[in-house]
Amino acid sequence: MKNMFEQVYAIVARIPSGRVTTYGQIARMLGNPRLSRAVGYALHVSPDGLPCHRVVDRNGKLADSFFHDGINEQRLLLEEEGVAFTEEGRVALESCMWYGDSDK
């Protein structure tokens, strides 16, 4: 069985372009909704090439600590994929949330 970080990375690798998911949704997919902080830590130390920019908090807020330029870089990457944002600068989750492979 894969360790938890490997399981997180496998889930994040499947998030389609133009879609996002939350730390909590990944934790639920792992079978323990209380692991959202551990998911965040796993992504903080994730290998290069993983589309971590597609993971946001439960309210669609971007990560201050995302890569070198934080929120600005994460938003740019998501906008390039066509992800919609609210006037408050959060991801419009209702239009681009990914719940897993059973979700289109």
N, C-alpha and C. Protein backbone atom coordinates (compact mmCIF):
# COMPACT_ATOMS: atom_id res chain seq x y z
N MET A 1 0.84 -1.19 0.00
CA MET A 1 0.00 0.00 0.00
C MET A 1 0.88 1.25 0.00
N LYS A 2 0.49 2.23 -0.77
CA LYS A 2 1.25 3.47 -0.85
C LYS A 2 1.15 4.25 0.46
N ASN A 3 2.22 5.00 0.77
CA ASN A 3 2.11 5.85 1.96
C ASN A 3 1.19 7.03 1.63
N MET A 4 0.80 7.78 2.65
CA MET A 4 -0.19 8.84 2.47
C MET A 4 0.26 9.89 1.47
N PHE A 5 1.51 10.32 1.51
CA PHE A 5 1.98 11.33 0.57
C PHE A 5 1.86 10.82 -0.87
N GLU A 6 2.26 9.59 -1.11
CA GLU A 6 2.15 9.02 -2.46
C GLU A 6 0.69 8.97 -2.92
N GLN A 7 -0.22 8.67 -1.99
CA GLN A 7 -1.65 8.63 -2.33
C GLN A 7 -2.14 10.04 -2.68
N VAL A 8 -1.71 11.05 -1.93
CA VAL A 8 -2.06 12.44 -2.23
C VAL A 8 -1.57 12.79 -3.62
N TYR A 9 -0.32 12.48 -3.91
CA TYR A 9 0.27 12.82 -5.21
C TYR A 9 -0.48 12.13 -6.35
N ALA A 10 -0.90 10.89 -6.14
CA ALA A 10 -1.64 10.16 -7.17
C ALA A 10 -2.99 10.83 -7.45
N ILE A 11 -3.65 11.32 -6.41
CA ILE A 11 -4.92 12.02 -6.58
C ILE A 11 -4.71 13.34 -7.32
N VAL A 12 -3.74 14.12 -6.87
CA VAL A 12 -3.49 15.44 -7.47
C VAL A 12 -3.11 15.29 -8.94
N ALA A 13 -2.39 14.26 -9.28
CA ALA A 13 -1.98 14.04 -10.67
C ALA A 13 -3.18 13.79 -11.58
N ARG A 14 -4.31 13.37 -11.02
CA ARG A 14 -5.51 13.08 -11.82
C ARG A 14 -6.44 14.27 -11.96
N ILE A 15 -6.20 15.39 -11.27
CA ILE A 15 -7.09 16.54 -11.38
C ILE A 15 -6.98 17.08 -12.80
N PRO A 16 -8.10 17.14 -13.52
CA PRO A 16 -8.05 17.61 -14.91
C PRO A 16 -7.71 19.09 -15.02
N SER A 17 -7.10 19.46 -16.10
CA SER A 17 -6.83 20.86 -16.39
C SER A 17 -8.15 21.62 -16.40
N GLY A 18 -8.16 22.81 -15.82
CA GLY A 18 -9.37 23.62 -15.77
C GLY A 18 -10.28 23.30 -14.62
N ARG A 19 -9.86 22.38 -13.77
CA ARG A 19 -10.65 21.99 -12.60
C ARG A 19 -9.78 22.15 -11.36
N VAL A 20 -10.40 22.24 -10.21
CA VAL A 20 -9.69 22.30 -8.93
C VAL A 20 -10.37 21.36 -7.94
N THR A 21 -9.67 21.07 -6.89
CA THR A 21 -10.26 20.37 -5.75
C THR A 21 -9.71 21.01 -4.49
N THR A 22 -10.19 20.57 -3.35
CA THR A 22 -9.77 21.16 -2.08
C THR A 22 -8.93 20.17 -1.28
N TYR A 23 -8.21 20.72 -0.31
CA TYR A 23 -7.43 19.87 0.59
C TYR A 23 -8.36 18.87 1.29
N GLY A 24 -9.52 19.37 1.72
CA GLY A 24 -10.49 18.51 2.40
C GLY A 24 -11.05 17.43 1.51
N GLN A 25 -11.30 17.73 0.25
CA GLN A 25 -11.81 16.71 -0.68
C GLN A 25 -10.77 15.62 -0.88
N ILE A 26 -9.52 16.00 -0.98
CA ILE A 26 -8.46 14.98 -1.10
C ILE A 26 -8.43 14.13 0.17
N ALA A 27 -8.54 14.76 1.33
CA ALA A 27 -8.57 14.01 2.58
C ALA A 27 -9.74 13.03 2.61
N ARG A 28 -10.92 13.47 2.15
CA ARG A 28 -12.08 12.56 2.09
C ARG A 28 -11.81 11.41 1.13
N MET A 29 -11.15 11.68 0.02
CA MET A 29 -10.83 10.63 -0.94
C MET A 29 -9.85 9.62 -0.34
N LEU A 30 -9.05 10.08 0.61
CA LEU A 30 -8.12 9.19 1.31
C LEU A 30 -8.81 8.39 2.41
N GLY A 31 -10.06 8.76 2.72
CA GLY A 31 -10.81 8.03 3.73
C GLY A 31 -10.78 8.66 5.11
N ASN A 32 -10.18 9.85 5.25
CA ASN A 32 -10.13 10.51 6.55
C ASN A 32 -10.23 12.02 6.37
N PRO A 33 -11.43 12.59 6.53
CA PRO A 33 -11.62 14.02 6.31
C PRO A 33 -10.81 14.92 7.24
N ARG A 34 -10.19 14.35 8.26
CA ARG A 34 -9.41 15.15 9.20
C ARG A 34 -7.95 15.32 8.75
N LEU A 35 -7.62 14.82 7.58
CA LEU A 35 -6.24 14.88 7.09
C LEU A 35 -5.94 16.09 6.20
N SER A 36 -6.82 17.08 6.14
CA SER A 36 -6.61 18.17 5.19
C SER A 36 -5.30 18.92 5.43
N ARG A 37 -4.91 19.11 6.67
CA ARG A 37 -3.62 19.78 6.93
C ARG A 37 -2.45 18.92 6.48
N ALA A 38 -2.56 17.63 6.67
CA ALA A 38 -1.50 16.73 6.22
C ALA A 38 -1.42 16.74 4.69
N VAL A 39 -2.57 16.85 4.03
CA VAL A 39 -2.59 16.97 2.57
C VAL A 39 -1.83 18.23 2.16
N GLY A 40 -2.10 19.34 2.85
CA GLY A 40 -1.41 20.59 2.56
C GLY A 40 0.09 20.45 2.73
N TYR A 41 0.51 19.78 3.78
CA TYR A 41 1.95 19.59 3.99
C TYR A 41 2.54 18.72 2.88
N ALA A 42 1.84 17.66 2.52
CA ALA A 42 2.32 16.78 1.45
C ALA A 42 2.53 17.58 0.16
N LEU A 43 1.61 18.49 -0.13
CA LEU A 43 1.74 19.29 -1.35
C LEU A 43 2.87 20.31 -1.23
N HIS A 44 3.12 20.77 -0.02
CA HIS A 44 4.21 21.74 0.19
C HIS A 44 5.57 21.12 -0.12
N VAL A 45 5.68 19.82 0.07
CA VAL A 45 6.95 19.13 -0.18
C VAL A 45 6.86 18.18 -1.38
N SER A 46 5.91 18.45 -2.27
CA SER A 46 5.65 17.56 -3.39
C SER A 46 6.75 17.63 -4.46
N PRO A 47 6.83 16.58 -5.27
CA PRO A 47 7.83 16.58 -6.35
C PRO A 47 7.45 17.57 -7.46
N ASP A 48 8.46 18.02 -8.20
CA ASP A 48 8.22 18.92 -9.34
C ASP A 48 7.31 18.24 -10.36
N GLY A 49 6.54 19.06 -11.04
CA GLY A 49 5.68 18.56 -12.10
C GLY A 49 4.28 18.18 -11.68
N LEU A 50 4.02 18.16 -10.40
CA LEU A 50 2.68 17.83 -9.91
C LEU A 50 1.81 19.09 -10.00
N PRO A 51 0.58 19.00 -10.50
CA PRO A 51 -0.25 20.20 -10.66
C PRO A 51 -0.88 20.67 -9.34
N CYS A 52 -0.04 21.00 -8.37
CA CYS A 52 -0.50 21.43 -7.05
C CYS A 52 -1.32 22.72 -7.11
N HIS A 53 -1.13 23.49 -8.18
CA HIS A 53 -1.88 24.73 -8.31
C HIS A 53 -3.38 24.48 -8.42
N ARG A 54 -3.78 23.25 -8.67
CA ARG A 54 -5.19 22.90 -8.80
C ARG A 54 -5.84 22.55 -7.47
N VAL A 55 -5.13 22.76 -6.36
CA VAL A 55 -5.68 22.48 -5.03
C VAL A 55 -5.81 23.80 -4.28
N VAL A 56 -7.02 24.05 -3.77
CA VAL A 56 -7.33 25.29 -3.06
C VAL A 56 -8.01 24.96 -1.74
N ASP A 57 -8.25 25.97 -0.91
CA ASP A 57 -8.93 25.67 0.35
C ASP A 57 -10.44 25.53 0.13
N ARG A 58 -11.15 25.18 1.17
CA ARG A 58 -12.58 24.87 1.07
C ARG A 58 -13.43 26.03 0.58
N ASN A 59 -12.90 27.24 0.66
CA ASN A 59 -13.62 28.42 0.20
C ASN A 59 -13.12 28.93 -1.15
N GLY A 60 -12.23 28.18 -1.78
CA GLY A 60 -11.68 28.60 -3.06
C GLY A 60 -10.52 29.56 -2.95
N LYS A 61 -10.01 29.75 -1.72
CA LYS A 61 -8.88 30.65 -1.51
C LYS A 61 -7.59 30.00 -1.98
N LEU A 62 -6.74 30.82 -2.58
CA LEU A 62 -5.45 30.35 -3.07
C LEU A 62 -4.43 30.29 -1.94
N ALA A 63 -3.32 29.60 -2.18
CA ALA A 63 -2.30 29.39 -1.15
C ALA A 63 -1.26 30.51 -1.15
N ASP A 64 -1.13 31.19 -0.02
CA ASP A 64 -0.11 32.23 0.13
C ASP A 64 1.29 31.69 -0.10
N SER A 65 1.50 30.44 0.27
CA SER A 65 2.83 29.86 0.19
C SER A 65 3.07 29.07 -1.09
N PHE A 66 2.21 29.27 -2.09
CA PHE A 66 2.38 28.52 -3.34
C PHE A 66 3.65 28.97 -4.06
N PHE A 67 4.54 28.04 -4.29
CA PHE A 67 5.78 28.21 -5.02
C PHE A 67 6.45 29.56 -4.74
N HIS A 68 7.06 30.19 -5.72
CA HIS A 68 7.86 31.40 -5.49
C HIS A 68 7.02 32.66 -5.34
N ASP A 69 5.99 32.80 -6.16
CA ASP A 69 5.21 34.03 -6.18
C ASP A 69 3.83 33.86 -5.56
N GLY A 70 3.63 32.81 -4.79
CA GLY A 70 2.41 32.60 -4.05
C GLY A 70 1.14 32.69 -4.86
N ILE A 71 0.20 33.43 -4.32
CA ILE A 71 -1.14 33.55 -4.90
C ILE A 71 -1.08 34.01 -6.35
N ASN A 72 -0.21 34.96 -6.67
CA ASN A 72 -0.16 35.48 -8.03
C ASN A 72 0.17 34.39 -9.04
N GLU A 73 1.15 33.56 -8.71
CA GLU A 73 1.54 32.50 -9.63
C GLU A 73 0.46 31.43 -9.74
N GLN A 74 -0.12 31.06 -8.60
CA GLN A 74 -1.18 30.06 -8.62
C GLN A 74 -2.37 30.55 -9.44
N ARG A 75 -2.76 31.79 -9.24
CA ARG A 75 -3.89 32.34 -10.00
C ARG A 75 -3.59 32.37 -11.50
N LEU A 76 -2.39 32.78 -11.86
CA LEU A 76 -2.02 32.83 -13.27
C LEU A 76 -2.12 31.44 -13.91
N LEU A 77 -1.60 30.43 -13.24
CA LEU A 77 -1.66 29.07 -13.76
C LEU A 77 -3.11 28.60 -13.93
N LEU A 78 -3.95 28.91 -12.95
CA LEU A 78 -5.36 28.51 -13.04
C LEU A 78 -6.10 29.27 -14.12
N GLU A 79 -5.83 30.57 -14.23
CA GLU A 79 -6.48 31.36 -15.28
C GLU A 79 -6.09 30.86 -16.67
N GLU A 80 -4.84 30.45 -16.83
CA GLU A 80 -4.39 29.91 -18.12
C GLU A 80 -5.16 28.64 -18.49
N GLU A 81 -5.67 27.93 -17.47
CA GLU A 81 -6.45 26.72 -17.71
C GLU A 81 -7.95 27.01 -17.83
N GLY A 82 -8.34 28.27 -17.67
CA GLY A 82 -9.75 28.63 -17.80
C GLY A 82 -10.56 28.57 -16.53
N VAL A 83 -9.90 28.48 -15.37
CA VAL A 83 -10.62 28.45 -14.09
C VAL A 83 -11.20 29.84 -13.81
N ALA A 84 -12.47 29.87 -13.41
CA ALA A 84 -13.16 31.13 -13.11
C ALA A 84 -12.91 31.55 -11.67
N PHE A 85 -12.89 32.87 -11.47
CA PHE A 85 -12.70 33.45 -10.14
C PHE A 85 -13.87 34.36 -9.79
N THR A 86 -14.11 34.49 -8.48
CA THR A 86 -15.14 35.40 -8.01
C THR A 86 -14.56 36.81 -7.94
N GLU A 87 -15.41 37.79 -7.70
CA GLU A 87 -14.94 39.17 -7.55
C GLU A 87 -14.01 39.32 -6.36
N GLU A 88 -14.13 38.43 -5.37
CA GLU A 88 -13.28 38.48 -4.18
C GLU A 88 -11.93 37.81 -4.41
N GLY A 89 -11.71 37.27 -5.61
CA GLY A 89 -10.42 36.65 -5.93
C GLY A 89 -10.31 35.20 -5.54
N ARG A 90 -11.43 34.56 -5.25
CA ARG A 90 -11.42 33.13 -4.92
C ARG A 90 -11.86 32.34 -6.14
N VAL A 91 -11.47 31.09 -6.18
CA VAL A 91 -11.89 30.22 -7.27
C VAL A 91 -13.40 30.01 -7.17
N ALA A 92 -14.10 30.08 -8.28
CA ALA A 92 -15.54 29.84 -8.33
C ALA A 92 -15.76 28.32 -8.30
N LEU A 93 -15.78 27.76 -7.11
CA LEU A 93 -15.83 26.31 -6.94
C LEU A 93 -17.03 25.67 -7.61
N GLU A 94 -18.17 26.36 -7.60
CA GLU A 94 -19.38 25.76 -8.18
C GLU A 94 -19.23 25.45 -9.66
N SER A 95 -18.32 26.11 -10.33
CA SER A 95 -18.17 25.87 -11.77
C SER A 95 -16.98 24.99 -12.15
N CYS A 96 -16.07 24.74 -11.20
CA CYS A 96 -14.88 23.99 -11.61
C CYS A 96 -14.37 22.98 -10.57
N MET A 97 -15.19 22.66 -9.57
CA MET A 97 -14.78 21.71 -8.54
C MET A 97 -14.72 20.30 -9.10
N TRP A 98 -13.66 19.58 -8.78
CA TRP A 98 -13.47 18.19 -9.17
C TRP A 98 -13.59 17.33 -7.92
N TYR A 99 -14.46 16.33 -7.96
CA TYR A 99 -14.72 15.48 -6.79
C TYR A 99 -14.07 14.11 -6.89
N GLY A 100 -13.37 13.87 -7.96
CA GLY A 100 -12.71 12.58 -8.14
C GLY A 100 -12.99 12.02 -9.51
N ASP A 101 -12.51 10.83 -9.74
CA ASP A 101 -12.61 10.22 -11.06
C ASP A 101 -14.04 9.94 -11.49
N SER A 102 -14.97 9.80 -10.56
CA SER A 102 -16.37 9.57 -10.94
C SER A 102 -16.99 10.86 -11.46
N ASP A 103 -16.35 12.00 -11.15
CA ASP A 103 -16.77 13.31 -11.65
C ASP A 103 -16.21 13.44 -13.05
N LYS A 104 -16.93 14.08 -13.91
CA LYS A 104 -16.46 14.20 -15.29
C LYS A 104 -15.23 14.98 -15.40
